[in-house]
Amino acid sequence: MELVFVGADHEVTGSCHYLRVGDKNILVDYGMEQGKNVFENVPLPVKPENIDFVFLTHAHIDHTGMLPKLYADGFRGRILCTAATKELSDVMLRDSAHIQSQEAEYRNRKAGKKGSSDRVEPVYTMQDTMNVLRLFEAYAYNERISLCDEVAFRFTDVGHLLGSASIELWLTERGEKRKIVFSEIGISRFFGTRFRQRRRTMS
C-alpha cells in the first residue's frame, strides 16, 4: 500500500491524496489551489487514465475544482460522494468552468491590446465539466459499500457543509487489512497502517 500527499499538505487548498492498494489507484479529492500559491502540489504518481476511484469529502472548489482537468487528461473512472455533494458540485464546477473561460478571454484581450499573439487557454472547458459530472455517483451516509476485493468505504456526516463527509476506507492487499479515515479537510488518522508515505520536500 502506498499513500502520497499530493496537495493540501502544507496549506489548506488544493486538497488531494493518492492511495495505491493492490492494482487499484485512488484519489481522495482533487482540488484547485486558491489564493497565494506558496507550495506547489506534487504531480500525480499515476496517469489520470489509470485512476480507478475518486472519493470526495465535499463540494468546495479547493477539493473538487480540478476534476474537469482530470477528465480532460484522460480520467474515466468513478467519482464517489454523497448526494448533496454531487448536486453542489454540479453547480460549482460549471461556475468554475465559466470563470476559467472568462479569465482566459480577459487575458487574451489584454495581451492583444499590447500586440502579443500569445494566447492563454482555460484550465478546462465547460464540456470537460459536463463530461466529468457524468462520472459522479451518490451514496448515503453510514452505509458500508464494497467496490471491489481491495476497497470498501463509508461516508459519515461531519457537518462542514451540505453533503460533507469523513471517508472511512477499508483496504485489503495480499491478505492484510488496513483502515484509513479522511476528514472533510484531509487525512485525519491511520489505524495500524504500514503505508509507505511520500511527502514533498521543501527547498
N, C-alpha and C. Protein backbone atom coordinates (compact mmCIF):
# COMPACT_ATOMS: atom_id res chain seq x y z
N MET A 1 0.85 -1.19 0.00
CA MET A 1 0.00 0.00 0.00
C MET A 1 0.88 1.24 0.00
N GLU A 2 0.39 2.27 -0.63
CA GLU A 2 1.16 3.50 -0.74
C GLU A 2 0.24 4.69 -0.56
N LEU A 3 0.72 5.68 0.16
CA LEU A 3 -0.02 6.94 0.34
C LEU A 3 0.89 8.08 -0.07
N VAL A 4 0.38 8.96 -0.94
CA VAL A 4 1.13 10.14 -1.37
C VAL A 4 0.31 11.38 -1.07
N PHE A 5 0.94 12.34 -0.39
CA PHE A 5 0.30 13.62 -0.12
C PHE A 5 0.54 14.51 -1.33
N VAL A 6 -0.46 14.64 -2.19
CA VAL A 6 -0.31 15.40 -3.43
C VAL A 6 -0.51 16.88 -3.18
N GLY A 7 -1.56 17.22 -2.43
CA GLY A 7 -1.86 18.62 -2.17
C GLY A 7 -2.48 18.80 -0.80
N ALA A 8 -2.53 20.08 -0.34
CA ALA A 8 -3.05 20.44 0.99
C ALA A 8 -2.26 19.77 2.10
N ASP A 9 -0.97 19.60 1.85
CA ASP A 9 -0.07 19.05 2.86
C ASP A 9 0.44 20.17 3.76
N HIS A 10 0.84 21.29 3.14
CA HIS A 10 1.33 22.43 3.88
C HIS A 10 0.38 23.63 3.84
N GLU A 11 -0.73 23.50 3.12
CA GLU A 11 -1.71 24.58 3.01
C GLU A 11 -3.09 23.96 2.89
N VAL A 12 -4.13 24.77 2.97
CA VAL A 12 -5.47 24.21 3.06
C VAL A 12 -6.15 24.03 1.71
N THR A 13 -5.62 24.63 0.64
CA THR A 13 -6.28 24.49 -0.67
C THR A 13 -5.57 23.45 -1.51
N GLY A 14 -6.22 23.07 -2.61
CA GLY A 14 -5.64 22.07 -3.50
C GLY A 14 -5.60 20.68 -2.92
N SER A 15 -6.60 20.35 -2.13
CA SER A 15 -6.60 19.07 -1.42
C SER A 15 -6.58 17.89 -2.39
N CYS A 16 -5.65 16.97 -2.15
CA CYS A 16 -5.59 15.74 -2.94
C CYS A 16 -4.64 14.75 -2.28
N HIS A 17 -5.12 13.52 -2.11
CA HIS A 17 -4.28 12.44 -1.60
C HIS A 17 -4.43 11.24 -2.53
N TYR A 18 -3.33 10.56 -2.74
CA TYR A 18 -3.31 9.38 -3.61
C TYR A 18 -3.07 8.13 -2.79
N LEU A 19 -3.84 7.09 -3.08
CA LEU A 19 -3.66 5.78 -2.45
C LEU A 19 -3.52 4.71 -3.53
N ARG A 20 -2.57 3.83 -3.34
CA ARG A 20 -2.48 2.64 -4.16
C ARG A 20 -2.70 1.43 -3.29
N VAL A 21 -3.64 0.60 -3.68
CA VAL A 21 -3.94 -0.63 -2.96
C VAL A 21 -4.02 -1.76 -3.98
N GLY A 22 -3.07 -2.67 -3.96
CA GLY A 22 -3.02 -3.69 -4.99
C GLY A 22 -2.84 -3.02 -6.34
N ASP A 23 -3.75 -3.33 -7.28
CA ASP A 23 -3.68 -2.69 -8.59
C ASP A 23 -4.67 -1.54 -8.73
N LYS A 24 -5.24 -1.09 -7.61
CA LYS A 24 -6.22 0.00 -7.64
C LYS A 24 -5.55 1.33 -7.28
N ASN A 25 -5.86 2.34 -8.09
CA ASN A 25 -5.36 3.69 -7.86
C ASN A 25 -6.51 4.59 -7.44
N ILE A 26 -6.35 5.28 -6.33
CA ILE A 26 -7.44 6.03 -5.70
C ILE A 26 -6.98 7.45 -5.40
N LEU A 27 -7.86 8.42 -5.64
CA LEU A 27 -7.66 9.78 -5.17
C LEU A 27 -8.72 10.11 -4.14
N VAL A 28 -8.34 10.85 -3.12
CA VAL A 28 -9.30 11.46 -2.21
C VAL A 28 -9.22 12.96 -2.46
N ASP A 29 -10.25 13.49 -3.10
CA ASP A 29 -10.34 14.88 -3.54
C ASP A 29 -9.35 15.16 -4.67
N TYR A 30 -9.68 16.19 -5.45
CA TYR A 30 -8.76 16.70 -6.47
C TYR A 30 -9.07 18.17 -6.65
N GLY A 31 -8.57 18.96 -5.70
CA GLY A 31 -8.98 20.35 -5.59
C GLY A 31 -8.06 21.33 -6.28
N MET A 32 -8.59 22.53 -6.47
CA MET A 32 -7.84 23.62 -7.08
C MET A 32 -7.13 24.42 -6.00
N GLU A 33 -5.88 24.76 -6.26
CA GLU A 33 -5.15 25.63 -5.36
C GLU A 33 -5.66 27.06 -5.52
N GLN A 34 -5.95 27.72 -4.43
CA GLN A 34 -6.53 29.05 -4.47
C GLN A 34 -5.72 30.01 -3.62
N GLY A 35 -5.80 31.29 -3.97
CA GLY A 35 -5.07 32.29 -3.22
C GLY A 35 -3.59 32.26 -3.58
N LYS A 36 -2.75 32.80 -2.71
CA LYS A 36 -1.31 32.84 -2.92
C LYS A 36 -0.76 31.42 -2.92
N ASN A 37 -0.12 31.04 -4.02
CA ASN A 37 0.34 29.67 -4.20
C ASN A 37 1.77 29.54 -3.68
N VAL A 38 1.90 29.28 -2.38
CA VAL A 38 3.23 29.18 -1.75
C VAL A 38 3.85 27.81 -1.99
N PHE A 39 3.03 26.76 -1.90
CA PHE A 39 3.51 25.39 -2.05
C PHE A 39 2.87 24.75 -3.28
N GLU A 40 3.68 24.27 -4.19
CA GLU A 40 3.17 23.61 -5.38
C GLU A 40 2.77 22.18 -5.06
N ASN A 41 1.61 21.75 -5.58
CA ASN A 41 1.25 20.34 -5.47
C ASN A 41 2.24 19.48 -6.24
N VAL A 42 2.49 18.29 -5.73
CA VAL A 42 3.34 17.36 -6.47
C VAL A 42 2.53 16.75 -7.59
N PRO A 43 3.19 16.27 -8.66
CA PRO A 43 2.44 15.62 -9.75
C PRO A 43 1.76 14.34 -9.25
N LEU A 44 0.68 13.96 -9.93
CA LEU A 44 0.06 12.68 -9.61
C LEU A 44 1.04 11.55 -9.90
N PRO A 45 1.08 10.54 -9.03
CA PRO A 45 2.02 9.43 -9.23
C PRO A 45 1.65 8.52 -10.40
N VAL A 46 0.42 8.62 -10.89
CA VAL A 46 -0.03 7.78 -12.00
C VAL A 46 -0.73 8.66 -13.03
N LYS A 47 -0.86 8.15 -14.23
CA LYS A 47 -1.58 8.88 -15.27
C LYS A 47 -3.07 8.91 -14.93
N PRO A 48 -3.76 10.00 -15.27
CA PRO A 48 -5.19 10.11 -14.96
C PRO A 48 -6.02 8.93 -15.47
N GLU A 49 -5.66 8.39 -16.63
CA GLU A 49 -6.44 7.28 -17.19
C GLU A 49 -6.32 6.00 -16.36
N ASN A 50 -5.32 5.94 -15.46
CA ASN A 50 -5.13 4.75 -14.63
C ASN A 50 -5.77 4.87 -13.26
N ILE A 51 -6.43 5.98 -12.97
CA ILE A 51 -7.10 6.16 -11.69
C ILE A 51 -8.46 5.48 -11.72
N ASP A 52 -8.72 4.65 -10.74
CA ASP A 52 -9.97 3.89 -10.70
C ASP A 52 -11.09 4.64 -9.98
N PHE A 53 -10.77 5.23 -8.81
CA PHE A 53 -11.80 5.85 -7.98
C PHE A 53 -11.32 7.21 -7.48
N VAL A 54 -12.25 8.16 -7.42
CA VAL A 54 -12.02 9.42 -6.72
C VAL A 54 -13.10 9.56 -5.66
N PHE A 55 -12.70 9.70 -4.41
CA PHE A 55 -13.64 9.96 -3.31
C PHE A 55 -13.61 11.45 -3.00
N LEU A 56 -14.79 12.03 -2.76
CA LEU A 56 -14.88 13.45 -2.44
C LEU A 56 -15.37 13.65 -1.02
N THR A 57 -14.66 14.50 -0.27
CA THR A 57 -15.11 14.83 1.07
C THR A 57 -16.22 15.87 1.05
N HIS A 58 -16.14 16.84 0.13
CA HIS A 58 -17.20 17.83 -0.02
C HIS A 58 -16.99 18.61 -1.31
N ALA A 59 -17.92 19.55 -1.60
CA ALA A 59 -18.00 20.15 -2.93
C ALA A 59 -17.19 21.42 -3.11
N HIS A 60 -16.56 21.95 -2.08
CA HIS A 60 -15.79 23.18 -2.24
C HIS A 60 -14.74 23.01 -3.35
N ILE A 61 -14.51 24.10 -4.09
CA ILE A 61 -13.63 24.05 -5.25
C ILE A 61 -12.20 23.64 -4.88
N ASP A 62 -11.76 23.97 -3.68
CA ASP A 62 -10.41 23.55 -3.29
C ASP A 62 -10.33 22.05 -3.01
N HIS A 63 -11.45 21.35 -3.14
CA HIS A 63 -11.48 19.89 -3.01
C HIS A 63 -11.97 19.20 -4.28
N THR A 64 -12.63 19.93 -5.18
CA THR A 64 -13.18 19.32 -6.40
C THR A 64 -12.75 20.03 -7.69
N GLY A 65 -12.15 21.20 -7.58
CA GLY A 65 -12.03 22.11 -8.72
C GLY A 65 -11.19 21.66 -9.88
N MET A 66 -10.35 20.63 -9.71
CA MET A 66 -9.53 20.16 -10.83
C MET A 66 -10.07 18.87 -11.46
N LEU A 67 -11.25 18.44 -11.05
CA LEU A 67 -11.81 17.23 -11.64
C LEU A 67 -12.06 17.34 -13.15
N PRO A 68 -12.56 18.47 -13.65
CA PRO A 68 -12.71 18.58 -15.11
C PRO A 68 -11.37 18.46 -15.84
N LYS A 69 -10.30 19.02 -15.26
CA LYS A 69 -8.97 18.88 -15.87
C LYS A 69 -8.53 17.43 -15.83
N LEU A 70 -8.85 16.72 -14.76
CA LEU A 70 -8.53 15.30 -14.66
C LEU A 70 -9.20 14.53 -15.80
N TYR A 71 -10.46 14.88 -16.08
CA TYR A 71 -11.18 14.25 -17.20
C TYR A 71 -10.51 14.59 -18.52
N ALA A 72 -10.19 15.87 -18.71
CA ALA A 72 -9.56 16.30 -19.96
C ALA A 72 -8.25 15.57 -20.20
N ASP A 73 -7.57 15.18 -19.11
CA ASP A 73 -6.29 14.49 -19.22
C ASP A 73 -6.42 12.98 -19.34
N GLY A 74 -7.67 12.45 -19.34
CA GLY A 74 -7.85 11.03 -19.61
C GLY A 74 -8.59 10.22 -18.58
N PHE A 75 -8.93 10.81 -17.43
CA PHE A 75 -9.62 10.05 -16.38
C PHE A 75 -11.02 9.64 -16.84
N ARG A 76 -11.35 8.36 -16.61
CA ARG A 76 -12.70 7.85 -16.92
C ARG A 76 -13.21 6.93 -15.82
N GLY A 77 -12.67 7.07 -14.61
CA GLY A 77 -13.08 6.21 -13.50
C GLY A 77 -14.36 6.67 -12.84
N ARG A 78 -14.52 6.29 -11.59
CA ARG A 78 -15.74 6.59 -10.83
C ARG A 78 -15.45 7.65 -9.78
N ILE A 79 -16.39 8.59 -9.62
CA ILE A 79 -16.28 9.63 -8.60
C ILE A 79 -17.38 9.38 -7.57
N LEU A 80 -16.99 9.13 -6.33
CA LEU A 80 -17.92 8.72 -5.30
C LEU A 80 -18.06 9.81 -4.25
N CYS A 81 -19.32 10.14 -3.92
CA CYS A 81 -19.58 11.23 -2.98
C CYS A 81 -21.00 11.08 -2.44
N THR A 82 -21.40 11.99 -1.56
CA THR A 82 -22.77 11.99 -1.08
C THR A 82 -23.68 12.66 -2.11
N ALA A 83 -24.99 12.50 -1.92
CA ALA A 83 -25.95 13.08 -2.87
C ALA A 83 -25.85 14.60 -2.91
N ALA A 84 -25.73 15.23 -1.75
CA ALA A 84 -25.65 16.69 -1.72
C ALA A 84 -24.35 17.18 -2.35
N THR A 85 -23.26 16.46 -2.15
CA THR A 85 -22.00 16.85 -2.78
C THR A 85 -22.11 16.75 -4.30
N LYS A 86 -22.78 15.74 -4.78
CA LYS A 86 -22.99 15.61 -6.22
C LYS A 86 -23.79 16.80 -6.77
N GLU A 87 -24.85 17.18 -6.08
CA GLU A 87 -25.68 18.29 -6.55
C GLU A 87 -24.93 19.62 -6.49
N LEU A 88 -24.22 19.86 -5.39
CA LEU A 88 -23.48 21.11 -5.25
C LEU A 88 -22.31 21.17 -6.25
N SER A 89 -21.67 20.05 -6.50
CA SER A 89 -20.55 20.04 -7.44
C SER A 89 -21.03 20.37 -8.85
N ASP A 90 -22.23 19.96 -9.19
CA ASP A 90 -22.80 20.29 -10.50
C ASP A 90 -22.82 21.80 -10.70
N VAL A 91 -23.26 22.51 -9.68
CA VAL A 91 -23.33 23.97 -9.76
C VAL A 91 -21.94 24.61 -9.70
N MET A 92 -21.14 24.18 -8.75
CA MET A 92 -19.86 24.83 -8.50
C MET A 92 -18.84 24.58 -9.61
N LEU A 93 -18.83 23.39 -10.18
CA LEU A 93 -17.87 23.10 -11.24
C LEU A 93 -18.25 23.79 -12.54
N ARG A 94 -19.55 23.89 -12.82
CA ARG A 94 -19.96 24.64 -14.00
C ARG A 94 -19.62 26.12 -13.85
N ASP A 95 -19.80 26.65 -12.65
CA ASP A 95 -19.42 28.04 -12.38
C ASP A 95 -17.91 28.22 -12.53
N SER A 96 -17.15 27.26 -12.05
CA SER A 96 -15.69 27.34 -12.17
C SER A 96 -15.26 27.32 -13.63
N ALA A 97 -15.89 26.47 -14.44
CA ALA A 97 -15.56 26.42 -15.87
C ALA A 97 -15.85 27.77 -16.54
N HIS A 98 -16.95 28.40 -16.15
CA HIS A 98 -17.30 29.71 -16.69
C HIS A 98 -16.23 30.74 -16.30
N ILE A 99 -15.76 30.67 -15.07
CA ILE A 99 -14.71 31.59 -14.61
C ILE A 99 -13.41 31.34 -15.39
N GLN A 100 -13.05 30.07 -15.62
CA GLN A 100 -11.84 29.76 -16.39
C GLN A 100 -11.92 30.37 -17.78
N SER A 101 -13.08 30.25 -18.40
CA SER A 101 -13.28 30.79 -19.75
C SER A 101 -13.18 32.31 -19.76
N GLN A 102 -13.82 32.95 -18.78
CA GLN A 102 -13.78 34.41 -18.71
C GLN A 102 -12.37 34.92 -18.44
N GLU A 103 -11.65 34.24 -17.56
CA GLU A 103 -10.29 34.65 -17.23
C GLU A 103 -9.38 34.55 -18.44
N ALA A 104 -9.50 33.44 -19.20
CA ALA A 104 -8.68 33.28 -20.40
C ALA A 104 -9.02 34.34 -21.44
N GLU A 105 -10.30 34.62 -21.60
CA GLU A 105 -10.73 35.64 -22.55
C GLU A 105 -10.18 37.02 -22.17
N TYR A 106 -10.24 37.35 -20.89
CA TYR A 106 -9.73 38.64 -20.41
C TYR A 106 -8.23 38.77 -20.66
N ARG A 107 -7.48 37.73 -20.33
CA ARG A 107 -6.04 37.79 -20.51
C ARG A 107 -5.66 37.89 -21.98
N ASN A 108 -6.39 37.17 -22.84
CA ASN A 108 -6.10 37.23 -24.26
C ASN A 108 -6.43 38.59 -24.85
N ARG A 109 -7.51 39.18 -24.39
CA ARG A 109 -7.89 40.52 -24.85
C ARG A 109 -6.85 41.55 -24.41
N LYS A 110 -6.40 41.42 -23.17
CA LYS A 110 -5.39 42.33 -22.63
C LYS A 110 -4.07 42.18 -23.38
N ALA A 111 -3.68 40.94 -23.67
CA ALA A 111 -2.44 40.69 -24.41
C ALA A 111 -2.54 41.23 -25.83
N GLY A 112 -3.74 41.08 -26.43
CA GLY A 112 -3.94 41.58 -27.78
C GLY A 112 -3.76 43.08 -27.88
N LYS A 113 -4.21 43.78 -26.86
CA LYS A 113 -4.06 45.24 -26.85
C LYS A 113 -2.60 45.65 -26.77
N LYS A 114 -1.77 44.76 -26.23
CA LYS A 114 -0.33 45.04 -26.13
C LYS A 114 0.43 44.51 -27.34
N GLY A 115 -0.31 43.96 -28.31
CA GLY A 115 0.31 43.47 -29.52
C GLY A 115 0.87 42.07 -29.43
N SER A 116 0.56 41.34 -28.36
CA SER A 116 1.06 39.99 -28.21
C SER A 116 0.13 38.99 -28.88
N SER A 117 0.71 38.01 -29.54
CA SER A 117 -0.08 36.95 -30.19
C SER A 117 -0.20 35.71 -29.31
N ASP A 118 0.47 35.71 -28.14
CA ASP A 118 0.39 34.57 -27.22
C ASP A 118 -1.02 34.47 -26.66
N ARG A 119 -1.54 33.25 -26.64
CA ARG A 119 -2.90 33.04 -26.15
C ARG A 119 -2.90 32.16 -24.91
N VAL A 120 -3.80 32.45 -24.00
CA VAL A 120 -3.99 31.66 -22.79
C VAL A 120 -5.21 30.79 -22.97
N GLU A 121 -5.09 29.51 -22.67
CA GLU A 121 -6.22 28.60 -22.75
C GLU A 121 -6.79 28.40 -21.34
N PRO A 122 -8.11 28.23 -21.23
CA PRO A 122 -8.69 27.96 -19.91
C PRO A 122 -8.15 26.65 -19.34
N VAL A 123 -8.11 26.56 -18.02
CA VAL A 123 -7.63 25.33 -17.38
C VAL A 123 -8.46 24.14 -17.86
N TYR A 124 -9.77 24.36 -18.00
CA TYR A 124 -10.65 23.35 -18.58
C TYR A 124 -11.87 24.05 -19.15
N THR A 125 -12.63 23.32 -19.94
CA THR A 125 -13.78 23.89 -20.63
C THR A 125 -15.09 23.44 -19.97
N MET A 126 -16.16 24.07 -20.39
CA MET A 126 -17.47 23.66 -19.91
C MET A 126 -17.78 22.22 -20.34
N GLN A 127 -17.31 21.83 -21.53
CA GLN A 127 -17.55 20.46 -21.98
C GLN A 127 -16.82 19.46 -21.11
N ASP A 128 -15.58 19.79 -20.71
CA ASP A 128 -14.86 18.91 -19.77
C ASP A 128 -15.66 18.74 -18.49
N THR A 129 -16.24 19.84 -18.02
CA THR A 129 -17.02 19.82 -16.78
C THR A 129 -18.27 18.96 -16.92
N MET A 130 -19.00 19.15 -18.00
CA MET A 130 -20.21 18.36 -18.19
C MET A 130 -19.87 16.87 -18.33
N ASN A 131 -18.75 16.57 -18.95
CA ASN A 131 -18.34 15.17 -19.10
C ASN A 131 -17.99 14.54 -17.75
N VAL A 132 -17.22 15.27 -16.92
CA VAL A 132 -16.81 14.66 -15.65
C VAL A 132 -17.99 14.53 -14.71
N LEU A 133 -18.96 15.41 -14.80
CA LEU A 133 -20.13 15.31 -13.92
C LEU A 133 -20.91 14.03 -14.15
N ARG A 134 -20.79 13.44 -15.33
CA ARG A 134 -21.48 12.18 -15.62
C ARG A 134 -20.86 11.00 -14.88
N LEU A 135 -19.66 11.20 -14.35
CA LEU A 135 -18.96 10.12 -13.64
C LEU A 135 -19.28 10.09 -12.14
N PHE A 136 -20.03 11.10 -11.66
CA PHE A 136 -20.35 11.19 -10.23
C PHE A 136 -21.37 10.12 -9.84
N GLU A 137 -21.15 9.52 -8.68
CA GLU A 137 -22.09 8.54 -8.11
C GLU A 137 -22.39 8.96 -6.67
N ALA A 138 -23.67 9.02 -6.32
CA ALA A 138 -24.08 9.47 -4.98
C ALA A 138 -24.37 8.29 -4.07
N TYR A 139 -23.90 8.40 -2.83
CA TYR A 139 -24.12 7.36 -1.83
C TYR A 139 -24.60 7.98 -0.52
N ALA A 140 -25.37 7.21 0.24
CA ALA A 140 -25.92 7.70 1.50
C ALA A 140 -24.87 7.65 2.60
N TYR A 141 -25.12 8.41 3.65
CA TYR A 141 -24.28 8.33 4.84
C TYR A 141 -24.46 6.97 5.53
N ASN A 142 -23.42 6.54 6.23
CA ASN A 142 -23.46 5.42 7.18
C ASN A 142 -23.74 4.06 6.53
N GLU A 143 -23.53 3.96 5.24
CA GLU A 143 -23.71 2.68 4.56
C GLU A 143 -22.36 2.18 4.06
N ARG A 144 -21.95 1.02 4.52
CA ARG A 144 -20.67 0.48 4.08
C ARG A 144 -20.85 -0.17 2.72
N ILE A 145 -20.02 0.27 1.74
CA ILE A 145 -20.12 -0.19 0.36
C ILE A 145 -18.82 -0.86 -0.05
N SER A 146 -18.92 -2.04 -0.64
CA SER A 146 -17.74 -2.72 -1.17
C SER A 146 -17.64 -2.43 -2.68
N LEU A 147 -16.52 -1.85 -3.10
CA LEU A 147 -16.32 -1.54 -4.51
C LEU A 147 -15.64 -2.68 -5.25
N CYS A 148 -14.76 -3.39 -4.56
CA CYS A 148 -14.01 -4.48 -5.15
C CYS A 148 -13.35 -5.25 -4.00
N ASP A 149 -12.58 -6.25 -4.31
CA ASP A 149 -11.94 -7.04 -3.26
C ASP A 149 -11.01 -6.19 -2.39
N GLU A 150 -10.43 -5.14 -2.98
CA GLU A 150 -9.43 -4.35 -2.27
C GLU A 150 -10.02 -3.19 -1.47
N VAL A 151 -11.19 -2.69 -1.86
CA VAL A 151 -11.66 -1.40 -1.32
C VAL A 151 -13.13 -1.45 -0.91
N ALA A 152 -13.39 -1.04 0.34
CA ALA A 152 -14.75 -0.77 0.81
C ALA A 152 -14.72 0.61 1.47
N PHE A 153 -15.89 1.27 1.53
CA PHE A 153 -15.91 2.62 2.09
C PHE A 153 -17.22 2.92 2.78
N ARG A 154 -17.21 3.99 3.58
CA ARG A 154 -18.43 4.50 4.21
C ARG A 154 -18.27 6.01 4.40
N PHE A 155 -19.32 6.76 4.07
CA PHE A 155 -19.36 8.19 4.34
C PHE A 155 -20.06 8.44 5.68
N THR A 156 -19.49 9.33 6.49
CA THR A 156 -20.14 9.73 7.73
C THR A 156 -20.27 11.25 7.77
N ASP A 157 -21.37 11.73 8.32
CA ASP A 157 -21.68 13.15 8.33
C ASP A 157 -20.78 13.89 9.32
N VAL A 158 -20.17 15.00 8.86
CA VAL A 158 -19.29 15.78 9.74
C VAL A 158 -19.72 17.24 9.85
N GLY A 159 -20.74 17.67 9.10
CA GLY A 159 -21.34 18.98 9.31
C GLY A 159 -20.57 20.17 8.77
N HIS A 160 -19.59 19.98 7.90
CA HIS A 160 -18.82 21.11 7.36
C HIS A 160 -19.69 21.97 6.45
N LEU A 161 -20.42 21.34 5.54
CA LEU A 161 -21.44 21.98 4.71
C LEU A 161 -22.33 20.86 4.19
N LEU A 162 -23.38 21.21 3.46
CA LEU A 162 -24.28 20.18 2.96
C LEU A 162 -23.50 19.12 2.20
N GLY A 163 -23.69 17.88 2.59
CA GLY A 163 -23.07 16.76 1.89
C GLY A 163 -21.66 16.43 2.31
N SER A 164 -21.04 17.23 3.17
CA SER A 164 -19.66 16.95 3.55
C SER A 164 -19.58 15.66 4.35
N ALA A 165 -18.44 14.99 4.23
CA ALA A 165 -18.32 13.67 4.85
C ALA A 165 -16.89 13.36 5.22
N SER A 166 -16.74 12.61 6.29
CA SER A 166 -15.50 11.87 6.50
C SER A 166 -15.62 10.57 5.72
N ILE A 167 -14.50 10.09 5.24
CA ILE A 167 -14.49 8.88 4.43
C ILE A 167 -13.70 7.80 5.15
N GLU A 168 -14.38 6.73 5.48
CA GLU A 168 -13.72 5.56 6.05
C GLU A 168 -13.41 4.59 4.91
N LEU A 169 -12.16 4.20 4.79
CA LEU A 169 -11.75 3.25 3.77
C LEU A 169 -11.19 1.99 4.41
N TRP A 170 -11.72 0.85 4.00
CA TRP A 170 -11.19 -0.44 4.41
C TRP A 170 -10.43 -1.01 3.22
N LEU A 171 -9.14 -1.25 3.40
CA LEU A 171 -8.26 -1.61 2.30
C LEU A 171 -7.63 -2.97 2.55
N THR A 172 -7.57 -3.80 1.51
CA THR A 172 -7.02 -5.15 1.62
C THR A 172 -5.99 -5.35 0.53
N GLU A 173 -4.82 -5.79 0.94
CA GLU A 173 -3.75 -6.08 -0.01
C GLU A 173 -2.96 -7.29 0.47
N ARG A 174 -2.89 -8.30 -0.37
CA ARG A 174 -2.16 -9.54 -0.06
C ARG A 174 -2.56 -10.10 1.32
N GLY A 175 -3.84 -10.10 1.59
CA GLY A 175 -4.36 -10.67 2.83
C GLY A 175 -4.30 -9.75 4.03
N GLU A 176 -3.63 -8.61 3.93
CA GLU A 176 -3.56 -7.66 5.03
C GLU A 176 -4.68 -6.63 4.90
N LYS A 177 -5.33 -6.34 6.01
CA LYS A 177 -6.43 -5.38 6.02
C LYS A 177 -6.03 -4.16 6.84
N ARG A 178 -6.28 -2.99 6.30
CA ARG A 178 -5.99 -1.74 6.97
C ARG A 178 -7.19 -0.80 6.82
N LYS A 179 -7.31 0.13 7.78
CA LYS A 179 -8.37 1.13 7.72
C LYS A 179 -7.74 2.51 7.79
N ILE A 180 -8.21 3.41 6.92
CA ILE A 180 -7.74 4.79 6.94
C ILE A 180 -8.96 5.70 6.84
N VAL A 181 -8.89 6.83 7.56
CA VAL A 181 -10.03 7.76 7.60
C VAL A 181 -9.58 9.13 7.13
N PHE A 182 -10.34 9.73 6.23
CA PHE A 182 -10.11 11.09 5.79
C PHE A 182 -11.25 11.96 6.29
N SER A 183 -10.91 13.11 6.85
CA SER A 183 -11.93 14.06 7.25
C SER A 183 -12.26 14.97 6.06
N GLU A 184 -13.17 15.92 6.26
CA GLU A 184 -13.53 16.84 5.17
C GLU A 184 -12.43 17.84 4.87
N ILE A 185 -11.37 17.87 5.69
CA ILE A 185 -10.26 18.78 5.43
C ILE A 185 -8.96 18.03 5.18
N GLY A 186 -9.05 16.74 4.93
CA GLY A 186 -7.85 15.98 4.60
C GLY A 186 -7.74 14.70 5.40
N ILE A 187 -6.53 14.18 5.48
CA ILE A 187 -6.32 12.92 6.17
C ILE A 187 -6.40 13.15 7.68
N SER A 188 -7.10 12.28 8.39
CA SER A 188 -7.25 12.51 9.83
C SER A 188 -6.48 11.51 10.68
N ARG A 189 -6.48 10.24 10.33
CA ARG A 189 -5.74 9.31 11.18
C ARG A 189 -5.57 7.96 10.48
N PHE A 190 -4.58 7.22 10.94
CA PHE A 190 -4.32 5.88 10.46
C PHE A 190 -4.70 4.87 11.53
N PHE A 191 -4.98 3.67 11.12
CA PHE A 191 -5.24 2.60 12.06
C PHE A 191 -4.30 1.45 11.74
N GLY A 192 -3.20 1.35 12.48
CA GLY A 192 -2.27 0.24 12.30
C GLY A 192 -1.74 0.10 10.90
N THR A 193 -1.41 1.20 10.24
CA THR A 193 -1.02 1.10 8.84
C THR A 193 0.44 0.76 8.67
N ARG A 194 0.76 0.25 7.49
CA ARG A 194 2.13 0.08 7.07
C ARG A 194 2.32 0.75 5.71
N PHE A 195 1.65 1.88 5.54
CA PHE A 195 1.75 2.61 4.29
C PHE A 195 3.14 3.17 4.10
N ARG A 196 3.59 3.18 2.86
CA ARG A 196 4.79 3.93 2.52
C ARG A 196 4.34 5.35 2.21
N GLN A 197 4.80 6.31 2.98
CA GLN A 197 4.37 7.69 2.83
C GLN A 197 5.43 8.51 2.12
N ARG A 198 4.99 9.33 1.17
CA ARG A 198 5.90 10.24 0.49
C ARG A 198 5.36 11.65 0.67
N ARG A 199 6.21 12.55 1.14
CA ARG A 199 5.85 13.94 1.28
C ARG A 199 6.78 14.75 0.40
N ARG A 200 6.28 15.85 -0.15
CA ARG A 200 7.16 16.68 -0.97
C ARG A 200 8.23 17.34 -0.10
N THR A 201 9.37 17.54 -0.65
CA THR A 201 10.46 18.17 0.08
C THR A 201 10.45 19.66 -0.21
N MET A 202 10.74 20.45 0.79
CA MET A 202 10.73 21.90 0.64
C MET A 202 12.16 22.40 0.54
N SER A 203 12.43 23.25 -0.48
CA SER A 203 13.76 23.81 -0.65
C SER A 203 13.89 25.12 0.10
